[in-house]
PDB file of N, CA and C in Angstrom:
ATOM      1  N   MET A   1      84.436  87.809  92.877  1.00  0.00           N
ATOM      2  CA  MET A   1      85.841  87.864  92.529  1.00  0.00           C
ATOM      3  C   MET A   1      86.113  86.756  91.517  1.00  0.00           C
ATOM      4  N   ASP A   2      86.703  87.128  90.385  1.00  0.00           N
ATOM      5  CA  ASP A   2      86.982  86.115  89.368  1.00  0.00           C
ATOM      6  C   ASP A   2      88.157  85.238  89.788  1.00  0.00           C
ATOM      7  N   ASP A   3      88.358  84.148  89.070  1.00  0.00           N
ATOM      8  CA  ASP A   3      89.374  83.155  89.424  1.00  0.00           C
ATOM      9  C   ASP A   3      90.778  83.752  89.461  1.00  0.00           C
ATOM     10  N   LYS A   4      91.098  84.616  88.493  1.00  0.00           N
ATOM     11  CA  LYS A   4      92.433  85.216  88.429  1.00  0.00           C
ATOM     12  C   LYS A   4      92.687  86.090  89.658  1.00  0.00           C
ATOM     13  N   ASN A   5      91.725  86.933  90.018  1.00  0.00           N
ATOM     14  CA  ASN A   5      91.891  87.796  91.188  1.00  0.00           C
ATOM     15  C   ASN A   5      91.921  86.981  92.476  1.00  0.00           C
ATOM     16  N   PHE A   6      91.134  85.905  92.516  1.00  0.00           N
ATOM     17  CA  PHE A   6      91.145  85.046  93.697  1.00  0.00           C
ATOM     18  C   PHE A   6      92.532  84.449  93.901  1.00  0.00           C
ATOM     19  N   LYS A   7      93.139  83.978  92.831  1.00  0.00           N
ATOM     20  CA  LYS A   7      94.478  83.380  92.927  1.00  0.00           C
ATOM     21  C   LYS A   7      95.496  84.415  93.386  1.00  0.00           C
ATOM     22  N   LYS A   8      95.415  85.629  92.847  1.00  0.00           N
ATOM     23  CA  LYS A   8      96.343  86.689  93.251  1.00  0.00           C
ATOM     24  C   LYS A   8      96.170  87.015  94.731  1.00  0.00           C
ATOM     25  N   ARG A   9      94.924  87.130  95.155  1.00  0.00           N
ATOM     26  CA  ARG A   9      94.628  87.447  96.554  1.00  0.00           C
ATOM     27  C   ARG A   9      95.126  86.319  97.461  1.00  0.00           C
ATOM     28  N   PHE A  10      94.922  85.071  97.023  1.00  0.00           N
ATOM     29  CA  PHE A  10      95.370  83.930  97.808  1.00  0.00           C
ATOM     30  C   PHE A  10      96.890  83.936  97.939  1.00  0.00           C
ATOM     31  N   ILE A  11      97.599  84.206  96.858  1.00  0.00           N
ATOM     32  CA  ILE A  11      99.058  84.252  96.896  1.00  0.00           C
ATOM     33  C   ILE A  11      99.526  85.326  97.863  1.00  0.00           C
ATOM     34  N   PHE A  12      98.881  86.500  97.833  1.00  0.00           N
ATOM     35  CA  PHE A  12      99.240  87.574  98.756  1.00  0.00           C
ATOM     36  C   PHE A  12      99.010  87.143 100.199  1.00  0.00           C
ATOM     37  N   LEU A  13      97.852  86.549 100.473  1.00  0.00           N
ATOM     38  CA  LEU A  13      97.546  86.130 101.840  1.00  0.00           C
ATOM     39  C   LEU A  13      98.512  85.044 102.317  1.00  0.00           C
ATOM     40  N   GLU A  14      98.889  84.157 101.430  1.00  0.00           N
ATOM     41  CA  GLU A  14      99.853  83.107 101.757  1.00  0.00           C
ATOM     42  C   GLU A  14     101.211  83.732 102.110  1.00  0.00           C
ATOM     43  N   LEU A  15     101.625  84.720 101.335  1.00  0.00           N
ATOM     44  CA  LEU A  15     102.878  85.430 101.602  1.00  0.00           C
ATOM     45  C   LEU A  15     102.805  86.155 102.942  1.00  0.00           C
ATOM     46  N   MET A  16     101.706  86.838 103.184  1.00  0.00           N
ATOM     47  CA  MET A  16     101.532  87.561 104.443  1.00  0.00           C
ATOM     48  C   MET A  16     101.585  86.592 105.613  1.00  0.00           C
ATOM     49  N   GLN A  17     100.960  85.439 105.484  1.00  0.00           N
ATOM     50  CA  GLN A  17     100.975  84.452 106.561  1.00  0.00           C
ATOM     51  C   GLN A  17     102.390  83.937 106.813  1.00  0.00           C
ATOM     52  N   ARG A  18     103.160  83.764 105.744  1.00  0.00           N
ATOM     53  CA  ARG A  18     104.550  83.313 105.912  1.00  0.00           C
ATOM     54  C   ARG A  18     105.356  84.349 106.692  1.00  0.00           C
ATOM     55  N   ILE A  19     105.153  85.629 106.380  1.00  0.00           N
ATOM     56  CA  ILE A  19     105.842  86.707 107.105  1.00  0.00           C
ATOM     57  C   ILE A  19     105.433  86.700 108.575  1.00  0.00           C
ATOM     58  N   LEU A  20     104.136  86.580 108.831  1.00  0.00           N
ATOM     59  CA  LEU A  20     103.652  86.584 110.212  1.00  0.00           C
ATOM     60  C   LEU A  20     104.144  85.365 110.986  1.00  0.00           C
ATOM     61  N   ASP A  21     104.171  84.210 110.344  1.00  0.00           N
ATOM     62  CA  ASP A  21     104.678  82.995 111.002  1.00  0.00           C
ATOM     63  C   ASP A  21     106.155  83.145 111.350  1.00  0.00           C
ATOM     64  N   PHE A  22     106.925  83.684 110.417  1.00  0.00           N
ATOM     65  CA  PHE A  22     108.356  83.919 110.652  1.00  0.00           C
ATOM     66  C   PHE A  22     108.538  84.805 111.882  1.00  0.00           C
ATOM     67  N   ARG A  23     107.764  85.893 111.916  1.00  0.00           N
ATOM     68  CA  ARG A  23     107.852  86.839 113.030  1.00  0.00           C
ATOM     69  C   ARG A  23     107.430  86.187 114.344  1.00  0.00           C
ATOM     70  N   GLU A  24     106.340  85.462 114.308  1.00  0.00           N
ATOM     71  CA  GLU A  24     105.794  84.838 115.521  1.00  0.00           C
ATOM     72  C   GLU A  24     106.782  83.838 116.133  1.00  0.00           C
ATOM     73  N   ARG A  25     107.407  83.026 115.303  1.00  0.00           N
ATOM     74  CA  ARG A  25     108.355  82.022 115.801  1.00  0.00           C
ATOM     75  C   ARG A  25     109.551  82.674 116.504  1.00  0.00           C
ATOM     76  N   ARG A  26     109.836  83.906 116.193  1.00  0.00           N
ATOM     77  CA  ARG A  26     110.968  84.619 116.792  1.00  0.00           C
ATOM     78  C   ARG A  26     110.539  85.611 117.878  1.00  0.00           C
ATOM     79  N   ASP A  27     109.238  85.696 118.124  1.00  0.00           N
ATOM     80  CA  ASP A  27     108.696  86.615 119.126  1.00  0.00           C
ATOM     81  C   ASP A  27     109.108  88.059 118.840  1.00  0.00           C
ATOM     82  N   TRP A  28     108.999  88.459 117.580  1.00  0.00           N
ATOM     83  CA  TRP A  28     109.393  89.802 117.188  1.00  0.00           C
ATOM     84  C   TRP A  28     108.221  90.785 117.089  1.00  0.00           C
ATOM     85  N   ALA A  29     107.005  90.320 117.256  1.00  0.00           N
ATOM     86  CA  ALA A  29     105.858  91.230 117.153  1.00  0.00           C
ATOM     87  C   ALA A  29     105.984  92.365 118.160  1.00  0.00           C
ATOM     88  N   GLN A  30     106.632  92.087 119.288  1.00  0.00           N
ATOM     89  CA  GLN A  30     106.808  93.107 120.327  1.00  0.00           C
ATOM     90  C   GLN A  30     107.595  94.321 119.826  1.00  0.00           C
ATOM     91  N   PHE A  31     108.369  94.135 118.771  1.00  0.00           N
ATOM     92  CA  PHE A  31     109.172  95.225 118.221  1.00  0.00           C
ATOM     93  C   PHE A  31     108.500  95.913 117.034  1.00  0.00           C
ATOM     94  N   HIS A  32     107.390  95.374 116.596  1.00  0.00           N
ATOM     95  CA  HIS A  32     106.788  95.813 115.338  1.00  0.00           C
ATOM     96  C   HIS A  32     105.584  96.732 115.551  1.00  0.00           C
ATOM     97  N   ASP A  33     105.805  97.800 116.264  1.00  0.00           N
ATOM     98  CA  ASP A  33     104.788  98.847 116.381  1.00  0.00           C
ATOM     99  C   ASP A  33     104.889  99.737 115.139  1.00  0.00           C
ATOM    100  N   PRO A  34     103.856 100.531 114.858  1.00  0.00           N
ATOM    101  CA  PRO A  34     103.882 101.359 113.642  1.00  0.00           C
ATOM    102  C   PRO A  34     105.105 102.261 113.521  1.00  0.00           C
ATOM    103  N   LYS A  35     105.548 102.881 114.613  1.00  0.00           N
ATOM    104  CA  LYS A  35     106.711 103.768 114.546  1.00  0.00           C
ATOM    105  C   LYS A  35     107.963 103.009 114.117  1.00  0.00           C
ATOM    106  N   ASN A  36     108.231 101.894 114.758  1.00  0.00           N
ATOM    107  CA  ASN A  36     109.439 101.133 114.435  1.00  0.00           C
ATOM    108  C   ASN A  36     109.375 100.529 113.038  1.00  0.00           C
ATOM    109  N   LEU A  37     108.196 100.108 112.609  1.00  0.00           N
ATOM    110  CA  LEU A  37     108.074  99.574 111.253  1.00  0.00           C
ATOM    111  C   LEU A  37     108.263 100.670 110.212  1.00  0.00           C
ATOM    112  N   ALA A  38     107.718 101.865 110.472  1.00  0.00           N
ATOM    113  CA  ALA A  38     107.936 102.988 109.549  1.00  0.00           C
ATOM    114  C   ALA A  38     109.416 103.330 109.470  1.00  0.00           C
ATOM    115  N   GLU A  39     110.098 103.312 110.612  1.00  0.00           N
ATOM    116  CA  GLU A  39     111.537 103.567 110.618  1.00  0.00           C
ATOM    117  C   GLU A  39     112.285 102.489 109.837  1.00  0.00           C
ATOM    118  N   ALA A  40     111.885 101.244 110.014  1.00  0.00           N
ATOM    119  CA  ALA A  40     112.537 100.143 109.299  1.00  0.00           C
ATOM    120  C   ALA A  40     112.368 100.290 107.789  1.00  0.00           C
ATOM    121  N   ILE A  41     111.185 100.710 107.362  1.00  0.00           N
ATOM    122  CA  ILE A  41     110.947 100.943 105.935  1.00  0.00           C
ATOM    123  C   ILE A  41     111.897 102.026 105.420  1.00  0.00           C
ATOM    124  N   ALA A  42     112.006 103.120 106.171  1.00  0.00           N
ATOM    125  CA  ALA A  42     112.882 104.225 105.759  1.00  0.00           C
ATOM    126  C   ALA A  42     114.347 103.783 105.739  1.00  0.00           C
ATOM    127  N   ILE A  43     114.756 103.041 106.729  1.00  0.00           N
ATOM    128  CA  ILE A  43     116.154 102.587 106.802  1.00  0.00           C
ATOM    129  C   ILE A  43     116.469 101.644 105.651  1.00  0.00           C
ATOM    130  N   GLU A  44     115.599 100.693 105.407  1.00  0.00           N
ATOM    131  CA  GLU A  44     115.827  99.751 104.307  1.00  0.00           C
ATOM    132  C   GLU A  44     115.782 100.475 102.961  1.00  0.00           C
ATOM    133  N   SER A  45     114.924 101.484 102.837  1.00  0.00           N
ATOM    134  CA  SER A  45     114.893 102.287 101.609  1.00  0.00           C
ATOM    135  C   SER A  45     116.218 103.009 101.416  1.00  0.00           C
ATOM    136  N   GLY A  46     116.785 103.500 102.496  1.00  0.00           N
ATOM    137  CA  GLY A  46     118.096 104.136 102.432  1.00  0.00           C
ATOM    138  C   GLY A  46     119.178 103.165 101.985  1.00  0.00           C
ATOM    139  N   GLU A  47     119.083 101.919 102.448  1.00  0.00           N
ATOM    140  CA  GLU A  47     120.055 100.911 102.031  1.00  0.00           C
ATOM    141  C   GLU A  47     119.928 100.617 100.535  1.00  0.00           C
ATOM    142  N   LEU A  48     118.709 100.638 100.026  1.00  0.00           N
ATOM    143  CA  LEU A  48     118.500 100.473  98.579  1.00  0.00           C
ATOM    144  C   LEU A  48     119.087 101.672  97.831  1.00  0.00           C
ATOM    145  N   LEU A  49     118.815 102.860  98.307  1.00  0.00           N
ATOM    146  CA  LEU A  49     119.316 104.077  97.674  1.00  0.00           C
ATOM    147  C   LEU A  49     120.833 104.157  97.657  1.00  0.00           C
ATOM    148  N   GLU A  50     121.455 103.612  98.687  1.00  0.00           N
ATOM    149  CA  GLU A  50     122.907 103.682  98.794  1.00  0.00           C
ATOM    150  C   GLU A  50     123.606 103.079  97.569  1.00  0.00           C
ATOM    151  N   HIS A  51     122.995 102.086  96.973  1.00  0.00           N
ATOM    152  CA  HIS A  51     123.577 101.457  95.779  1.00  0.00           C
ATOM    153  C   HIS A  51     123.664 102.435  94.594  1.00  0.00           C
ATOM    154  N   PHE A  52     122.838 103.474  94.629  1.00  0.00           N
ATOM    155  CA  PHE A  52     122.756 104.403  93.505  1.00  0.00           C
ATOM    156  C   PHE A  52     123.411 105.760  93.770  1.00  0.00           C
ATOM    157  N   LEU A  53     123.993 105.900  94.945  1.00  0.00           N
ATOM    158  CA  LEU A  53     124.602 107.175  95.320  1.00  0.00           C
ATOM    159  C   LEU A  53     125.684 107.577  94.324  1.00  0.00           C
ATOM    160  N   TRP A  54     125.586 108.790  93.843  1.00  0.00           N
ATOM    161  CA  TRP A  54     126.523 109.417  92.919  1.00  0.00           C
ATOM    162  C   TRP A  54     126.521 108.778  91.524  1.00  0.00           C
ATOM    163  N   LYS A  55     125.487 108.058  91.199  1.00  0.00           N
ATOM    164  CA  LYS A  55     125.386 107.431  89.875  1.00  0.00           C
ATOM    165  C   LYS A  55     124.455 108.260  88.984  1.00  0.00           C
ATOM    166  N   SER A  56     124.748 108.278  87.708  1.00  0.00           N
ATOM    167  CA  SER A  56     123.850 108.911  86.746  1.00  0.00           C
ATOM    168  C   SER A  56     122.687 107.956  86.475  1.00  0.00           C
ATOM    169  N   ALA A  57     121.707 108.443  85.741  1.00  0.00           N
ATOM    170  CA  ALA A  57     120.574 107.580  85.379  1.00  0.00           C
ATOM    171  C   ALA A  57     121.055 106.361  84.594  1.00  0.00           C
ATOM    172  N   ALA A  58     121.978 106.592  83.660  1.00  0.00           N
ATOM    173  CA  ALA A  58     122.505 105.472  82.866  1.00  0.00           C
ATOM    174  C   ALA A  58     123.286 104.505  83.750  1.00  0.00           C
ATOM    175  N   GLU A  59     124.095 105.036  84.647  1.00  0.00           N
ATOM    176  CA  GLU A  59     124.865 104.180  85.547  1.00  0.00           C
ATOM    177  C   GLU A  59     123.952 103.386  86.478  1.00  0.00           C
ATOM    178  N   SER A  60     122.806 103.977  86.828  1.00  0.00           N
ATOM    179  CA  SER A  60     121.882 103.270  87.721  1.00  0.00           C
ATOM    180  C   SER A  60     121.354 101.995  87.062  1.00  0.00           C
ATOM    181  N   ARG A  61     121.206 102.021  85.753  1.00  0.00           N
ATOM    182  CA  ARG A  61     120.765 100.809  85.038  1.00  0.00           C
ATOM    183  C   ARG A  61     121.860  99.735  85.083  1.00  0.00           C
ATOM    184  N   GLU A  62     123.100 100.166  85.059  1.00  0.00           N
ATOM    185  CA  GLU A  62     124.216  99.217  85.181  1.00  0.00           C
ATOM    186  C   GLU A  62     124.241  98.603  86.577  1.00  0.00           C
ATOM    187  N   VAL A  63     123.964  99.421  87.591  1.00  0.00           N
ATOM    188  CA  VAL A  63     123.915  98.924  88.964  1.00  0.00           C
ATOM    189  C   VAL A  63     122.861  97.826  89.074  1.00  0.00           C
ATOM    190  N   VAL A  64     121.718  98.043  88.455  1.00  0.00           N
ATOM    191  CA  VAL A  64     120.648  97.042  88.491  1.00  0.00           C
ATOM    192  C   VAL A  64     121.132  95.731  87.879  1.00  0.00           C
ATOM    193  N   GLU A  65     121.811  95.817  86.755  1.00  0.00           N
ATOM    194  CA  GLU A  65     122.312  94.605  86.106  1.00  0.00           C
ATOM    195  C   GLU A  65     123.362  93.905  86.963  1.00  0.00           C
ATOM    196  N   GLU A  66     124.253  94.682  87.578  1.00  0.00           N
ATOM    197  CA  GLU A  66     125.375  94.127  88.330  1.00  0.00           C
ATOM    198  C   GLU A  66     124.992  93.650  89.732  1.00  0.00           C
ATOM    199  N   LYS A  67     123.988  94.286  90.328  1.00  0.00           N
ATOM    200  CA  LYS A  67     123.666  94.005  91.732  1.00  0.00           C
ATOM    201  C   LYS A  67     122.216  93.587  91.933  1.00  0.00           C
ATOM    202  N   ARG A  68     121.645  92.956  90.927  1.00  0.00           N
ATOM    203  CA  ARG A  68     120.224  92.602  90.983  1.00  0.00           C
ATOM    204  C   ARG A  68     119.866  91.823  92.254  1.00  0.00           C
ATOM    205  N   ALA A  69     120.676  90.843  92.643  1.00  0.00           N
ATOM    206  CA  ALA A  69     120.370  90.028  93.821  1.00  0.00           C
ATOM    207  C   ALA A  69     120.379  90.870  95.098  1.00  0.00           C
ATOM    208  N   GLU A  70     121.370  91.754  95.231  1.00  0.00           N
ATOM    209  CA  GLU A  70     121.441  92.622  96.412  1.00  0.00           C
ATOM    210  C   GLU A  70     120.256  93.575  96.449  1.00  0.00           C
ATOM    211  N   LEU A  71     119.899  94.130  95.293  1.00  0.00           N
ATOM    212  CA  LEU A  71     118.769  95.046  95.217  1.00  0.00           C
ATOM    213  C   LEU A  71     117.465  94.314  95.543  1.00  0.00           C
ATOM    214  N   ALA A  72     117.351  93.085  95.057  1.00  0.00           N
ATOM    215  CA  ALA A  72     116.155  92.288  95.349  1.00  0.00           C
ATOM    216  C   ALA A  72     116.024  92.049  96.849  1.00  0.00           C
ATOM    217  N   SER A  73     117.151  91.802  97.509  1.00  0.00           N
ATOM    218  CA  SER A  73     117.133  91.578  98.950  1.00  0.00           C
ATOM    219  C   SER A  73     116.687  92.835  99.701  1.00  0.00           C
ATOM    220  N   GLU A  74     117.202  93.991  99.291  1.00  0.00           N
ATOM    221  CA  GLU A  74     116.788  95.255  99.923  1.00  0.00           C
ATOM    222  C   GLU A  74     115.297  95.518  99.680  1.00  0.00           C
ATOM    223  N   LEU A  75     114.853  95.285  98.457  1.00  0.00           N
ATOM    224  CA  LEU A  75     113.436  95.482  98.138  1.00  0.00           C
ATOM    225  C   LEU A  75     112.559  94.535  98.946  1.00  0.00           C
ATOM    226  N   ALA A  76     113.006  93.294  99.113  1.00  0.00           N
ATOM    227  CA  ALA A  76     112.247  92.337  99.927  1.00  0.00           C
ATOM    228  C   ALA A  76     112.114  92.829 101.361  1.00  0.00           C
ATOM    229  N   ASP A  77     113.183  93.413 101.907  1.00  0.00           N
ATOM    230  CA  ASP A  77     113.106  93.975 103.258  1.00  0.00           C
ATOM    231  C   ASP A  77     112.079  95.104 103.323  1.00  0.00           C
ATOM    232  N   ILE A  78     112.117  95.999 102.340  1.00  0.00           N
ATOM    233  CA  ILE A  78     111.176  97.125 102.305  1.00  0.00           C
ATOM    234  C   ILE A  78     109.743  96.622 102.239  1.00  0.00           C
ATOM    235  N   LEU A  79     109.499  95.671 101.350  1.00  0.00           N
ATOM    236  CA  LEU A  79     108.142  95.144 101.178  1.00  0.00           C
ATOM    237  C   LEU A  79     107.678  94.364 102.406  1.00  0.00           C
ATOM    238  N   THR A  80     108.575  93.585 102.995  1.00  0.00           N
ATOM    239  CA  THR A  80     108.210  92.830 104.193  1.00  0.00           C
ATOM    240  C   THR A  80     107.813  93.780 105.321  1.00  0.00           C
ATOM    241  N   PHE A  81     108.626  94.798 105.562  1.00  0.00           N
ATOM    242  CA  PHE A  81     108.273  95.760 106.606  1.00  0.00           C
ATOM    243  C   PHE A  81     107.013  96.544 106.231  1.00  0.00           C
ATOM    244  N   SER A  82     106.800  96.796 104.953  1.00  0.00           N
ATOM    245  CA  SER A  82     105.584  97.485 104.513  1.00  0.00           C
ATOM    246  C   SER A  82     104.356  96.625 104.773  1.00  0.00           C
ATOM    247  N   PHE A  83     104.450  95.334 104.480  1.00  0.00           N
ATOM    248  CA  PHE A  83     103.335  94.420 104.741  1.00  0.00           C
ATOM    249  C   PHE A  83     103.045  94.344 106.238  1.00  0.00           C
ATOM    250  N   LEU A  84     104.102  94.283 107.043  1.00  0.00           N
ATOM    251  CA  LEU A  84     103.913  94.242 108.495  1.00  0.00           C
ATOM    252  C   LEU A  84     103.308  95.540 109.015  1.00  0.00           C
ATOM    253  N   PHE A  85     103.745  96.665 108.447  1.00  0.00           N
ATOM    254  CA  PHE A  85     103.154  97.953 108.835  1.00  0.00           C
ATOM    255  C   PHE A  85     101.658  97.961 108.531  1.00  0.00           C
ATOM    256  N   ALA A  86     101.310  97.528 107.334  1.00  0.00           N
ATOM    257  CA  ALA A  86      99.898  97.478 106.947  1.00  0.00           C
ATOM    258  C   ALA A  86      99.114  96.576 107.897  1.00  0.00           C
ATOM    259  N   HIS A  87      99.684  95.437 108.229  1.00  0.00           N
ATOM    260  CA  HIS A  87      99.026  94.501 109.150  1.00  0.00           C
ATOM    261  C   HIS A  87      98.793  95.159 110.506  1.00  0.00           C
ATOM    262  N   GLU A  88      99.829  95.780 111.053  1.00  0.00           N
ATOM    263  CA  GLU A  88      99.725  96.400 112.371  1.00  0.00           C
ATOM    264  C   GLU A  88      98.773  97.597 112.373  1.00  0.00           C
ATOM    265  N   ALA A  89      98.713  98.312 111.247  1.00  0.00           N
ATOM    266  CA  ALA A  89      97.871  99.511 111.159  1.00  0.00           C
ATOM    267  C   ALA A  89      96.454  99.196 110.674  1.00  0.00           C
ATOM    268  N   GLY A  90      96.196  97.938 110.345  1.00  0.00           N
ATOM    269  CA  GLY A  90      94.862  97.562 109.865  1.00  0.00           C
ATOM    270  C   GLY A  90      94.562  98.125 108.482  1.00  0.00           C
ATOM    271  N   ILE A  91      95.580  98.216 107.648  1.00  0.00           N
ATOM    272  CA  ILE A  91      95.424  98.751 106.299  1.00  0.00           C
ATOM    273  C   ILE A  91      95.356  97.595 105.302  1.00  0.00           C
ATOM    274  N   ASP A  92      94.317  97.588 104.493  1.00  0.00           N
ATOM    275  CA  ASP A  92      94.189  96.607 103.418  1.00  0.00           C
ATOM    276  C   ASP A  92      95.048  97.108 102.261  1.00  0.00           C
ATOM    277  N   ILE A  93      96.182  96.452 102.030  1.00  0.00           N
ATOM    278  CA  ILE A  93      97.139  96.917 101.019  1.00  0.00           C
ATOM    279  C   ILE A  93      96.495  96.958  99.638  1.00  0.00           C
ATOM    280  N   HIS A  94      95.760  95.942  99.292  1.00  0.00           N
ATOM    281  CA  HIS A  94      95.114  95.890  97.973  1.00  0.00           C
ATOM    282  C   HIS A  94      94.199  97.099  97.795  1.00  0.00           C
ATOM    283  N   LYS A  95      93.338  97.354  98.771  1.00  0.00           N
ATOM    284  CA  LYS A  95      92.412  98.485  98.699  1.00  0.00           C
ATOM    285  C   LYS A  95      93.170  99.812  98.685  1.00  0.00           C
ATOM    286  N   ALA A  96      94.217  99.927  99.504  1.00  0.00           N
ATOM    287  CA  ALA A  96      94.992 101.167  99.567  1.00  0.00           C
ATOM    288  C   ALA A  96      95.612 101.489  98.211  1.00  0.00           C
ATOM    289  N   ILE A  97      96.151 100.481  97.547  1.00  0.00           N
ATOM    290  CA  ILE A  97      96.776 100.711  96.238  1.00  0.00           C
ATOM    291  C   ILE A  97      95.732 101.057  95.190  1.00  0.00           C
ATOM    292  N   ILE A  98      94.624 100.334  95.187  1.00  0.00           N
ATOM    293  CA  ILE A  98      93.551 100.634  94.224  1.00  0.00           C
ATOM    294  C   ILE A  98      93.025 102.050  94.451  1.00  0.00           C
ATOM    295  N   ASP A  99      92.789 102.406  95.712  1.00  0.00           N
ATOM    296  CA  ASP A  99      92.299 103.759  96.023  1.00  0.00           C
ATOM    297  C   ASP A  99      93.303 104.822  95.569  1.00  0.00           C
ATOM    298  N   LYS A 100      94.582 104.588  95.804  1.00  0.00           N
ATOM    299  CA  LYS A 100      95.606 105.558  95.408  1.00  0.00           C
ATOM    300  C   LYS A 100      95.713 105.661  93.894  1.00  0.00           C
ATOM    301  N   MET A 101      95.616 104.532  93.206  1.00  0.00           N
ATOM    302  CA  MET A 101      95.657 104.558  91.737  1.00  0.00           C
ATOM    303  C   MET A 101      94.451 105.332  91.189  1.00  0.00           C
ATOM    304  N   ASN A 102      93.294 105.136  91.789  1.00  0.00           N
ATOM    305  CA  ASN A 102      92.106 105.878  91.359  1.00  0.00           C
ATOM    306  C   ASN A 102      92.287 107.377  91.583  1.00  0.00           C
ATOM    307  N   LEU A 103      92.846 107.753  92.726  1.00  0.00           N
ATOM    308  CA  LEU A 103      93.121 109.167  93.005  1.00  0.00           C
ATOM    309  C   LEU A 103      94.124 109.717  91.997  1.00  0.00           C
ATOM    310  N   ASN A 104      95.183 108.947  91.703  1.00  0.00           N
ATOM    311  CA  ASN A 104      96.184 109.400  90.738  1.00  0.00           C
ATOM    312  C   ASN A 104      95.610 109.503  89.329  1.00  0.00           C
ATOM    313  N   GLU A 105      94.648 108.667  88.992  1.00  0.00           N
ATOM    314  CA  GLU A 105      93.965 108.781  87.692  1.00  0.00           C
ATOM    315  C   GLU A 105      93.295 110.150  87.580  1.00  0.00           C
ATOM    316  N   GLU A 106      92.699 110.611  88.691  1.00  0.00           N
ATOM    317  CA  GLU A 106      92.062 111.926  88.707  1.00  0.00           C
ATOM    318  C   GLU A 106      93.099 113.051  88.681  1.00  0.00           C
ATOM    319  N   ARG A 107      94.132 112.903  89.465  1.00  0.00           N
ATOM    320  CA  ARG A 107      95.145 113.957  89.592  1.00  0.00           C
ATOM    321  C   ARG A 107      96.015 114.094  88.345  1.00  0.00           C
ATOM    322  N   TYR A 108      96.246 112.994  87.678  1.00  0.00           N
ATOM    323  CA  TYR A 108      97.156 112.973  86.534  1.00  0.00           C
ATOM    324  C   TYR A 108      96.448 112.469  85.275  1.00  0.00           C
ATOM    325  N   PRO A 109      95.508 113.258  84.748  1.00  0.00           N
ATOM    326  CA  PRO A 109      94.852 112.812  83.520  1.00  0.00           C
ATOM    327  C   PRO A 109      95.884 112.688  82.393  1.00  0.00           C
ATOM    328  N   VAL A 110      95.728 111.659  81.585  1.00  0.00           N
ATOM    329  CA  VAL A 110      96.706 111.355  80.536  1.00  0.00           C
ATOM    330  C   VAL A 110      96.983 112.576  79.668  1.00  0.00           C
ATOM    331  N   GLU A 111      95.947 113.281  79.287  1.00  0.00           N
ATOM    332  CA  GLU A 111      96.127 114.413  78.374  1.00  0.00           C
ATOM    333  C   GLU A 111      96.972 115.538  78.975  1.00  0.00           C
ATOM    334  N   LYS A 112      97.067 115.612  80.294  1.00  0.00           N
ATOM    335  CA  LYS A 112      97.886 116.641  80.937  1.00  0.00           C
ATOM    336  C   LYS A 112      99.217 116.100  81.454  1.00  0.00           C
ATOM    337  N   ALA A 113      99.254 114.842  81.834  1.00  0.00           N
ATOM    338  CA  ALA A 113     100.421 114.303  82.522  1.00  0.00           C
ATOM    339  C   ALA A 113     101.382 113.522  81.620  1.00  0.00           C
ATOM    340  N   ARG A 114     100.933 113.145  80.454  1.00  0.00           N
ATOM    341  CA  ARG A 114     101.770 112.315  79.588  1.00  0.00           C
ATOM    342  C   ARG A 114     103.091 113.006  79.259  1.00  0.00           C
ATOM    343  N   GLY A 115     104.198 112.326  79.577  1.00  0.00           N
ATOM    344  CA  GLY A 115     105.529 112.809  79.221  1.00  0.00           C
ATOM    345  C   GLY A 115     106.096 113.897  80.120  1.00  0.00           C
ATOM    346  N   THR A 116     105.428 114.199  81.233  1.00  0.00           N
ATOM    347  CA  THR A 116     105.937 115.224  82.139  1.00  0.00           C
ATOM    348  C   THR A 116     106.031 114.670  83.550  1.00  0.00           C
ATOM    349  N   SER A 117     106.969 115.174  84.310  1.00  0.00           N
ATOM    350  CA  SER A 117     107.125 114.737  85.707  1.00  0.00           C
ATOM    351  C   SER A 117     106.580 115.770  86.678  1.00  0.00           C
ATOM    352  N   LYS A 118     105.810 116.716  86.179  1.00  0.00           N
ATOM    353  CA  LYS A 118     105.270 117.765  87.041  1.00  0.00           C
ATOM    354  C   LYS A 118     104.312 117.171  88.062  1.00  0.00           C
ATOM    355  N   LYS A 119     104.295 117.788  89.235  1.00  0.00           N
ATOM    356  CA  LYS A 119     103.357 117.443  90.275  1.00  0.00           C
ATOM    357  C   LYS A 119     101.957 117.809  89.807  1.00  0.00           C
ATOM    358  N   TYR A 120     100.962 117.056  90.248  1.00  0.00           N
ATOM    359  CA  TYR A 120      99.585 117.276  89.778  1.00  0.00           C
ATOM    360  C   TYR A 120      99.119 118.710  89.982  1.00  0.00           C
ATOM    361  N   LYS A 121      99.613 119.381  91.015  1.00  0.00           N
ATOM    362  CA  LYS A 121      99.214 120.772  91.284  1.00  0.00           C
ATOM    363  C   LYS A 121      99.710 121.710  90.194  1.00  0.00           C
ATOM    364  N   ASP A 122     100.773 121.303  89.494  1.00  0.00           N
ATOM    365  CA  ASP A 122     101.403 122.167  88.490  1.00  0.00           C
ATOM    366  C   ASP A 122     100.979 121.841  87.063  1.00  0.00           C
ATOM    367  N   LEU A 123     100.132 120.839  86.901  1.00  0.00           N
ATOM    368  CA  LEU A 123      99.664 120.498  85.548  1.00  0.00           C
ATOM    369  C   LEU A 123      98.627 121.524  85.098  1.00  0.00           C
ATOM    370  N   LYS A 124      98.720 121.921  83.840  1.00  0.00           N
ATOM    371  CA  LYS A 124      97.768 122.907  83.317  1.00  0.00           C
ATOM    372  C   LYS A 124      97.061 122.344  82.113  1.00  0.00           C
TER     373      LYS A 124
END
């Protein structure tokens, strides 16, 4: 692992440890089973989405400018619960993302997917 990747990995592990320490000090691990964490991710995602309800694409960019701090807080909740879910499920987030990106590289070749939002099954 090169120095740059080592630093990134270290920062991630440090962040994960901070989340786990926060949880441990409050004795909340008892509530963090996979089902409840998945629900928390969905609920927090809904809270993020609520900011954009009935907005056009252009208006959504205005919401980002006007409510960046609130959106950041909602995103932090989603990511925190996602990290905890990965921890509880024994999922290596780094590997999961790399594996998914590799799969998407196969499913969405640039020459077929560029500029279209079609699902990979519908690309010709």
